[in-house]
N, C-alpha and C. Protein backbone atom coordinates (compact mmCIF):
# COMPACT_ATOMS: atom_id res chain seq x y z
N MET A 1 19.47 16.83 -56.77
CA MET A 1 19.38 16.45 -58.15
C MET A 1 19.65 14.96 -58.30
N ILE A 2 19.04 14.40 -59.30
CA ILE A 2 19.20 12.97 -59.58
C ILE A 2 20.36 12.81 -60.57
N SER A 3 21.24 11.88 -60.25
CA SER A 3 22.38 11.69 -61.15
C SER A 3 21.94 10.98 -62.42
N ILE A 4 22.81 11.04 -63.42
CA ILE A 4 22.51 10.42 -64.71
C ILE A 4 22.37 8.91 -64.58
N GLU A 5 23.18 8.29 -63.72
CA GLU A 5 23.12 6.84 -63.51
C GLU A 5 21.79 6.43 -62.93
N LYS A 6 21.28 7.21 -61.96
CA LYS A 6 19.99 6.90 -61.35
C LYS A 6 18.86 7.10 -62.34
N LYS A 7 18.97 8.09 -63.20
CA LYS A 7 17.94 8.32 -64.21
C LYS A 7 17.89 7.14 -65.18
N LYS A 8 19.07 6.64 -65.59
CA LYS A 8 19.12 5.49 -66.47
C LYS A 8 18.52 4.26 -65.85
N LYS A 9 18.85 4.05 -64.57
CA LYS A 9 18.33 2.88 -63.86
C LYS A 9 16.81 2.97 -63.73
N MET A 10 16.29 4.17 -63.39
CA MET A 10 14.85 4.34 -63.27
C MET A 10 14.17 4.13 -64.62
N GLN A 11 14.81 4.62 -65.67
CA GLN A 11 14.23 4.43 -67.01
C GLN A 11 14.20 2.96 -67.39
N GLN A 12 15.24 2.21 -67.02
CA GLN A 12 15.26 0.76 -67.32
C GLN A 12 14.18 0.05 -66.52
N LEU A 13 13.95 0.43 -65.27
CA LEU A 13 12.92 -0.20 -64.46
C LEU A 13 11.54 0.10 -65.01
N VAL A 14 11.31 1.33 -65.44
CA VAL A 14 10.02 1.67 -66.02
C VAL A 14 9.81 0.90 -67.34
N THR A 15 10.82 0.79 -68.16
CA THR A 15 10.72 0.03 -69.39
C THR A 15 10.43 -1.45 -69.12
N ALA A 16 11.15 -2.02 -68.13
CA ALA A 16 10.92 -3.42 -67.78
C ALA A 16 9.48 -3.60 -67.24
N GLY A 17 8.99 -2.66 -66.47
CA GLY A 17 7.64 -2.76 -65.95
C GLY A 17 6.59 -2.72 -67.04
N ILE A 18 6.79 -1.82 -67.99
CA ILE A 18 5.83 -1.72 -69.11
C ILE A 18 5.86 -2.98 -69.94
N LEU A 19 7.05 -3.49 -70.18
CA LEU A 19 7.16 -4.75 -70.97
C LEU A 19 6.48 -5.90 -70.25
N LEU A 20 6.67 -5.99 -68.92
CA LEU A 20 6.01 -7.07 -68.18
C LEU A 20 4.47 -6.95 -68.24
N ILE A 21 3.97 -5.72 -68.16
CA ILE A 21 2.52 -5.54 -68.28
C ILE A 21 2.04 -5.93 -69.67
N LEU A 22 2.77 -5.59 -70.71
CA LEU A 22 2.38 -5.96 -72.07
C LEU A 22 2.42 -7.48 -72.26
N VAL A 23 3.41 -8.13 -71.71
CA VAL A 23 3.51 -9.59 -71.82
C VAL A 23 2.31 -10.22 -71.09
N GLY A 24 1.96 -9.67 -69.95
CA GLY A 24 0.82 -10.17 -69.18
C GLY A 24 -0.50 -10.02 -69.97
N VAL A 25 -0.69 -8.89 -70.60
CA VAL A 25 -1.89 -8.63 -71.38
C VAL A 25 -1.94 -9.61 -72.58
N ILE A 26 -0.81 -9.80 -73.22
CA ILE A 26 -0.76 -10.71 -74.38
C ILE A 26 -1.06 -12.16 -73.92
N MET A 27 -0.51 -12.58 -72.78
CA MET A 27 -0.78 -13.90 -72.27
C MET A 27 -2.26 -14.06 -71.87
N PHE A 28 -2.85 -13.02 -71.33
CA PHE A 28 -4.27 -13.06 -70.97
C PHE A 28 -5.13 -13.23 -72.23
N ILE A 29 -4.84 -12.44 -73.23
CA ILE A 29 -5.60 -12.52 -74.49
C ILE A 29 -5.44 -13.88 -75.15
N ALA A 30 -4.20 -14.42 -75.15
CA ALA A 30 -3.97 -15.74 -75.74
C ALA A 30 -4.71 -16.81 -74.97
N GLY A 31 -4.68 -16.73 -73.66
CA GLY A 31 -5.40 -17.74 -72.84
C GLY A 31 -6.90 -17.66 -73.05
N LEU A 32 -7.43 -16.44 -73.14
CA LEU A 32 -8.84 -16.26 -73.37
C LEU A 32 -9.23 -16.82 -74.75
N THR A 33 -8.41 -16.53 -75.73
CA THR A 33 -8.69 -17.03 -77.10
C THR A 33 -8.66 -18.57 -77.13
N LEU A 34 -7.65 -19.16 -76.52
CA LEU A 34 -7.56 -20.61 -76.51
C LEU A 34 -8.74 -21.23 -75.73
N SER A 35 -9.15 -20.59 -74.68
CA SER A 35 -10.31 -21.09 -73.90
C SER A 35 -11.58 -21.05 -74.71
N VAL A 36 -11.77 -20.00 -75.47
CA VAL A 36 -12.98 -19.91 -76.31
C VAL A 36 -12.93 -20.94 -77.44
N LEU A 37 -11.76 -21.16 -78.02
CA LEU A 37 -11.64 -22.14 -79.11
C LEU A 37 -11.82 -23.57 -78.59
N GLU A 38 -11.43 -23.86 -77.35
CA GLU A 38 -11.56 -25.21 -76.80
C GLU A 38 -12.96 -25.46 -76.25
N GLN A 39 -13.79 -24.45 -76.14
CA GLN A 39 -15.08 -24.56 -75.50
C GLN A 39 -15.99 -25.62 -76.15
N GLY A 40 -15.98 -25.73 -77.43
CA GLY A 40 -16.86 -26.66 -78.12
C GLY A 40 -16.35 -28.08 -78.15
N LYS A 41 -15.17 -28.37 -77.67
CA LYS A 41 -14.54 -29.68 -77.81
C LYS A 41 -14.75 -30.57 -76.60
N GLY A 42 -15.55 -30.17 -75.65
CA GLY A 42 -15.79 -31.02 -74.48
C GLY A 42 -15.45 -30.30 -73.19
N LYS A 43 -15.05 -31.10 -72.22
CA LYS A 43 -14.80 -30.59 -70.88
C LYS A 43 -13.50 -29.74 -70.87
N THR A 44 -13.61 -28.54 -70.31
CA THR A 44 -12.43 -27.71 -70.15
C THR A 44 -12.20 -27.51 -68.66
N GLU A 45 -10.94 -27.33 -68.31
CA GLU A 45 -10.58 -27.13 -66.92
C GLU A 45 -9.79 -25.84 -66.81
N VAL A 46 -10.19 -25.03 -65.86
CA VAL A 46 -9.50 -23.76 -65.63
C VAL A 46 -8.75 -23.84 -64.31
N ARG A 47 -7.43 -23.57 -64.38
CA ARG A 47 -6.61 -23.55 -63.18
C ARG A 47 -5.86 -22.22 -63.18
N GLY A 48 -5.50 -21.80 -61.99
CA GLY A 48 -4.77 -20.56 -61.93
C GLY A 48 -4.22 -20.25 -60.56
N GLY A 49 -3.46 -19.18 -60.50
CA GLY A 49 -2.89 -18.78 -59.24
C GLY A 49 -2.45 -17.32 -59.31
N ALA A 50 -2.05 -16.82 -58.13
CA ALA A 50 -1.63 -15.42 -58.07
C ALA A 50 -0.64 -15.26 -56.93
N ILE A 51 0.23 -14.26 -57.07
CA ILE A 51 1.16 -13.89 -56.00
C ILE A 51 0.87 -12.44 -55.63
N ILE A 52 0.74 -12.23 -54.37
CA ILE A 52 0.53 -10.88 -53.84
C ILE A 52 1.68 -10.58 -52.90
N PHE A 53 2.42 -9.51 -53.22
CA PHE A 53 3.50 -9.07 -52.33
C PHE A 53 3.02 -7.88 -51.52
N ILE A 54 3.00 -8.04 -50.19
CA ILE A 54 2.71 -6.94 -49.28
C ILE A 54 4.01 -6.64 -48.57
N GLY A 55 4.73 -5.63 -49.11
CA GLY A 55 6.07 -5.36 -48.64
C GLY A 55 6.97 -6.54 -48.95
N PRO A 56 7.67 -7.06 -47.94
CA PRO A 56 8.54 -8.22 -48.20
C PRO A 56 7.83 -9.56 -48.02
N ILE A 57 6.54 -9.52 -47.69
CA ILE A 57 5.82 -10.76 -47.40
C ILE A 57 5.03 -11.20 -48.60
N PRO A 58 5.33 -12.37 -49.18
CA PRO A 58 4.57 -12.88 -50.33
C PRO A 58 3.40 -13.73 -49.88
N ILE A 59 2.29 -13.65 -50.61
CA ILE A 59 1.12 -14.47 -50.34
C ILE A 59 0.79 -15.18 -51.66
N ALA A 60 0.67 -16.52 -51.61
CA ALA A 60 0.37 -17.29 -52.80
C ALA A 60 -1.09 -17.78 -52.76
N LEU A 61 -1.78 -17.65 -53.86
CA LEU A 61 -3.17 -18.13 -54.02
C LEU A 61 -3.23 -19.03 -55.21
N GLY A 62 -4.02 -20.10 -55.14
CA GLY A 62 -4.13 -21.00 -56.26
C GLY A 62 -5.38 -21.83 -56.18
N THR A 63 -5.78 -22.41 -57.34
CA THR A 63 -6.98 -23.21 -57.40
C THR A 63 -6.74 -24.69 -57.11
N ASP A 64 -5.49 -25.13 -57.20
CA ASP A 64 -5.17 -26.54 -56.92
C ASP A 64 -3.75 -26.67 -56.46
N LYS A 65 -3.34 -27.86 -56.11
CA LYS A 65 -2.01 -28.10 -55.53
C LYS A 65 -0.90 -27.78 -56.52
N ASN A 66 -1.07 -28.18 -57.78
CA ASN A 66 -0.04 -27.95 -58.78
C ASN A 66 0.15 -26.46 -59.04
N SER A 67 -0.95 -25.70 -59.04
CA SER A 67 -0.85 -24.25 -59.23
C SER A 67 -0.07 -23.60 -58.07
N ILE A 68 -0.32 -24.03 -56.87
CA ILE A 68 0.38 -23.48 -55.71
C ILE A 68 1.86 -23.79 -55.79
N ILE A 69 2.24 -24.98 -56.23
CA ILE A 69 3.67 -25.36 -56.36
C ILE A 69 4.33 -24.47 -57.38
N ILE A 70 3.71 -24.29 -58.55
CA ILE A 70 4.29 -23.46 -59.59
C ILE A 70 4.38 -22.02 -59.14
N ILE A 71 3.34 -21.49 -58.49
CA ILE A 71 3.33 -20.12 -58.02
C ILE A 71 4.40 -19.93 -56.95
N SER A 72 4.60 -20.94 -56.08
CA SER A 72 5.64 -20.84 -55.05
C SER A 72 7.05 -20.78 -55.64
N ILE A 73 7.28 -21.52 -56.67
CA ILE A 73 8.58 -21.48 -57.36
C ILE A 73 8.79 -20.11 -57.99
N LEU A 74 7.74 -19.60 -58.68
CA LEU A 74 7.83 -18.26 -59.26
C LEU A 74 8.04 -17.20 -58.20
N MET A 75 7.40 -17.39 -57.04
CA MET A 75 7.53 -16.43 -55.95
C MET A 75 8.95 -16.37 -55.45
N ILE A 76 9.61 -17.50 -55.31
CA ILE A 76 10.99 -17.55 -54.88
C ILE A 76 11.91 -16.86 -55.90
N ILE A 77 11.66 -17.14 -57.17
CA ILE A 77 12.48 -16.53 -58.22
C ILE A 77 12.29 -15.01 -58.22
N LEU A 78 11.05 -14.54 -58.06
CA LEU A 78 10.79 -13.09 -58.01
C LEU A 78 11.46 -12.45 -56.82
N MET A 79 11.46 -13.13 -55.66
CA MET A 79 12.10 -12.59 -54.48
C MET A 79 13.62 -12.46 -54.68
N ILE A 80 14.23 -13.43 -55.35
CA ILE A 80 15.66 -13.37 -55.63
C ILE A 80 15.98 -12.21 -56.60
N ILE A 81 15.14 -12.09 -57.63
CA ILE A 81 15.34 -10.99 -58.58
C ILE A 81 15.17 -9.64 -57.88
N ALA A 82 14.16 -9.50 -57.05
CA ALA A 82 13.95 -8.24 -56.32
C ALA A 82 15.12 -7.94 -55.41
N TYR A 83 15.69 -8.96 -54.78
CA TYR A 83 16.84 -8.77 -53.88
C TYR A 83 18.00 -8.14 -54.67
N PHE A 84 18.29 -8.68 -55.82
CA PHE A 84 19.43 -8.18 -56.61
C PHE A 84 19.15 -6.84 -57.26
N LEU A 85 17.90 -6.55 -57.58
CA LEU A 85 17.59 -5.26 -58.19
C LEU A 85 17.58 -4.11 -57.20
N PHE A 86 17.13 -4.36 -55.99
CA PHE A 86 16.92 -3.28 -55.03
C PHE A 86 17.88 -3.25 -53.87
N ARG A 87 18.93 -4.03 -53.91
CA ARG A 87 19.90 -3.97 -52.79
C ARG A 87 20.72 -2.69 -52.91
N PRO A 88 21.13 -2.13 -51.78
CA PRO A 88 21.85 -0.87 -51.82
C PRO A 88 23.27 -0.99 -52.37
C-alpha cells in the first residue's frame, strides 16, 4: 500500500507537471501571437533552443550561441531541482 505522504507527494508532482505544461502552452501561444503581430513591421528573427534529458544525461540544442548559453543555464538549474526532488 502507498502511504498518505507518498500520495500527497505524487499529487503535488502531478499538479506541478500539469502547471508546467499549461505555462508552456501559454508561452507558445503568446510567442506565436507576437510573431504574427511583428510580421508586418520588417525583418523578424526566430531563435530557440531545447533540452532533452535521456536519463541523467542532458542534451542541449539551439539555433545560436546565446540560445545555447541560456539553455545550458536552465539545464543546470533543472538538474539541481531534479536532484533535490528525487533524492532518497
